[in-house]
Protein backbone atom coordinates (compact mmCIF):
# COMPACT_ATOMS: atom_id res chain seq x y z
CA MET A 1 24.82 -21.03 -4.68
CA SER A 2 25.03 -23.54 -7.04
CA ALA A 3 25.70 -22.76 -11.44
CA GLY A 4 23.03 -21.02 -13.41
CA ILE A 5 20.49 -20.21 -10.55
CA THR A 6 20.00 -17.09 -10.44
CA LYS A 7 18.47 -15.39 -6.97
CA ILE A 8 15.81 -13.68 -7.29
CA PRO A 9 15.29 -10.87 -5.06
CA HIS A 10 12.07 -11.31 -2.79
CA ARG A 11 9.36 -8.87 -3.96
CA ILE A 12 6.92 -7.30 -1.29
CA VAL A 13 3.59 -5.02 -1.89
CA VAL A 14 2.32 -2.54 0.90
CA GLY A 15 -0.72 -0.87 0.68
CA VAL A 16 0.23 2.60 1.84
CA ASP A 17 -2.56 5.00 2.20
CA GLY A 18 -0.95 7.74 5.06
CA SER A 19 -2.45 6.08 7.92
CA PRO A 20 -0.30 5.01 11.40
CA SER A 21 -1.16 1.66 10.89
CA ALA A 22 0.19 2.11 6.49
CA ARG A 23 3.40 3.72 7.67
CA ALA A 24 4.09 1.23 10.34
CA ALA A 25 3.66 -1.62 7.06
CA LEU A 26 5.95 0.82 5.31
CA ARG A 27 9.08 0.98 7.60
CA TRP A 28 8.25 -3.24 8.07
CA ALA A 29 7.89 -4.14 5.06
CA VAL A 30 11.11 -1.48 4.37
CA ARG A 31 13.16 -3.33 6.89
CA GLN A 32 12.29 -7.31 6.18
CA ALA A 33 13.52 -6.24 2.20
CA ALA A 34 16.99 -5.05 3.45
CA PHE A 35 17.14 -8.47 6.09
CA THR A 36 15.97 -10.67 2.63
CA GLY A 37 17.42 -8.45 0.09
CA GLY A 38 14.32 -7.52 -1.33
CA THR A 39 12.58 -5.03 -2.51
CA VAL A 40 9.27 -3.11 -1.82
CA ASP A 41 6.26 -1.91 -3.88
CA ALA A 42 4.55 0.49 -2.19
CA VAL A 43 1.37 1.14 -3.60
CA MET A 44 -1.42 3.52 -3.03
CA ALA A 45 -5.15 3.27 -4.49
CA TRP A 46 -7.13 6.10 -5.57
CA GLN A 47 -10.94 6.67 -7.06
CA ILE A 48 -12.69 9.77 -7.19
CA PRO A 49 -14.94 10.03 -4.51
CA MET A 50 -18.41 8.76 -4.62
CA MET A 51 -20.31 11.87 -3.99
CA LEU A 52 -17.86 13.58 -7.35
CA ARG A 53 -19.45 10.53 -9.62
CA THR A 54 -21.87 11.69 -11.15
CA TYR A 55 -24.85 9.90 -12.87
CA THR A 56 -26.68 13.50 -14.17
CA TRP A 57 -26.12 15.47 -16.63
CA THR A 58 -22.67 17.60 -15.28
CA PRO A 59 -19.73 15.83 -16.28
CA ILE A 60 -16.63 14.08 -14.22
CA TYR A 61 -13.38 15.99 -16.21
CA THR A 62 -10.54 14.84 -16.72
CA GLU A 63 -8.68 17.19 -14.99
CA GLU A 64 -10.52 16.62 -11.97
CA ALA A 65 -9.36 12.55 -11.97
CA ARG A 66 -5.97 14.43 -12.60
CA ASP A 67 -5.95 16.50 -9.42
CA PHE A 68 -7.02 13.32 -7.06
CA GLU A 69 -4.07 10.91 -8.98
CA GLN A 70 -1.32 13.74 -8.13
CA ASP A 71 -2.78 14.39 -4.06
CA ALA A 72 -1.72 10.40 -3.80
CA LYS A 73 1.21 10.81 -5.74
CA LYS A 74 2.44 13.56 -3.57
CA THR A 75 0.88 11.49 -0.23
CA LEU A 76 2.23 8.62 -0.93
CA GLU A 77 6.23 9.88 -2.02
CA ALA A 78 5.49 11.95 1.66
CA VAL A 79 4.67 9.20 3.34
CA ILE A 80 8.20 7.54 1.55
CA ARG A 81 9.97 10.22 2.61
CA ASP A 82 8.77 10.27 6.23
CA GLU A 83 9.13 6.44 6.57
CA VAL A 84 12.19 5.60 5.00
CA GLY A 85 15.95 6.47 5.76
CA PRO A 86 18.10 7.41 2.45
CA ALA A 87 20.12 3.83 2.93
CA ASP A 88 16.44 2.10 1.58
CA SER A 89 15.43 4.34 -0.51
CA GLN A 90 16.16 2.42 -3.68
CA ARG A 91 14.86 -0.78 -2.48
CA VAL A 92 11.54 1.03 -2.52
CA THR A 93 9.08 1.79 -5.99
CA SER A 94 5.82 3.84 -5.60
CA ARG A 95 3.06 3.00 -7.73
CA VAL A 96 -0.24 4.81 -7.64
CA VAL A 97 -3.38 3.08 -9.15
CA ASN A 98 -6.50 3.97 -9.85
CA GLY A 99 -8.88 1.48 -8.58
CA GLN A 100 -10.80 -0.23 -5.51
CA THR A 101 -8.35 -0.03 -2.58
CA ALA A 102 -8.42 -4.28 -1.97
CA GLU A 103 -8.89 -4.88 -5.42
CA VAL A 104 -5.21 -2.99 -6.56
CA LEU A 105 -3.36 -4.89 -3.95
CA LEU A 106 -4.00 -8.28 -4.75
CA GLU A 107 -2.99 -7.07 -8.55
CA ALA A 108 -0.01 -5.72 -7.16
CA SER A 109 0.64 -8.39 -5.25
CA ALA A 110 -0.27 -11.21 -7.47
CA ASN A 111 3.43 -12.80 -8.18
CA ALA A 112 4.90 -11.19 -4.47
CA ASP A 113 6.20 -12.87 -2.10
CA LEU A 114 4.59 -11.07 0.40
CA LEU A 115 1.65 -8.22 1.01
CA VAL A 116 1.83 -6.11 4.12
CA VAL A 117 -1.17 -3.90 4.85
CA GLY A 118 -2.41 -1.81 8.28
CA SER A 119 -4.93 -3.31 10.09
CA ARG A 120 -7.19 -0.23 9.81
CA GLY A 121 -7.12 3.32 7.51
CA HIS A 122 -8.75 6.42 7.07
CA ARG A 123 -12.10 4.95 6.07
CA VAL A 124 -15.55 5.01 7.98
CA PHE A 125 -15.09 2.62 10.40
CA ALA A 126 -11.88 3.35 11.71
CA GLU A 127 -12.37 1.53 15.38
CA ALA A 128 -12.36 -1.80 13.54
CA LEU A 129 -9.53 -4.42 14.86
CA LEU A 130 -9.18 -4.99 10.63
CA GLY A 131 -10.60 -2.91 8.28
CA SER A 132 -12.22 -4.31 5.11
CA VAL A 133 -8.72 -4.15 2.78
CA GLY A 134 -7.18 -5.90 5.06
CA GLN A 135 -9.56 -9.13 5.60
CA HIS A 136 -10.47 -8.70 1.64
CA CYS A 137 -6.63 -9.23 0.95
CA MET A 138 -6.22 -12.07 3.61
CA HIS A 139 -9.08 -13.87 1.85
CA HIS A 140 -8.00 -13.61 -1.80
CA ALA A 141 -4.27 -13.01 -2.00
CA ARG A 142 -2.32 -14.76 -3.63
CA CYS A 143 0.74 -15.07 -1.36
CA PRO A 144 0.45 -14.67 2.45
CA VAL A 145 -0.79 -11.14 3.75
CA LEU A 146 0.91 -9.95 6.65
CA VAL A 147 -1.42 -7.05 8.66
CA MET A 148 -0.09 -4.37 10.64
CA PRO A 149 -1.12 -3.31 13.80
CA GLY A 150 0.06 0.49 13.47
CA GLU A 151 2.64 2.35 15.50
CA PRO A 152 4.48 -0.13 17.39
CA ASP A 153 5.02 2.47 20.32
CA GLN A 154 1.52 3.14 20.87
CA PRO A 155 -1.33 1.40 22.71
CA ALA A 156 -4.22 0.67 19.84
CA ALA A 157 -7.13 3.35 20.33
């Protein structure tokens, strides 16, 4: 490498929601980061469920919101612990962000080299080939997007 040029490691952002395809996406992203000498930002978005948002006189308390955030952190850390080996754990940074999933991932990947998402997550239309988050990210991301179809050893359901 020429003098004065510093190599910036590749940065991969991966959306994690605990689904099989998101777990496969995380595993793939970590392998790719190891191959390229890069890093992985494992990102999980959370929101207060619509049925708990209130437009009446009953407020949503900050403690309840904190519970949703804590649950998301626990889920993300558990997925990372399950899917990332000890040798690669230093490559992975976890981020839990309050917001709509697709928008959170687009913002997190704004300066990334690659965004990796699962083909479908824990949503109502789980049988769809490509979920709404993946669809939105493919159309609006400022970096390449890889959509992971799911468990590579298992046939698509």
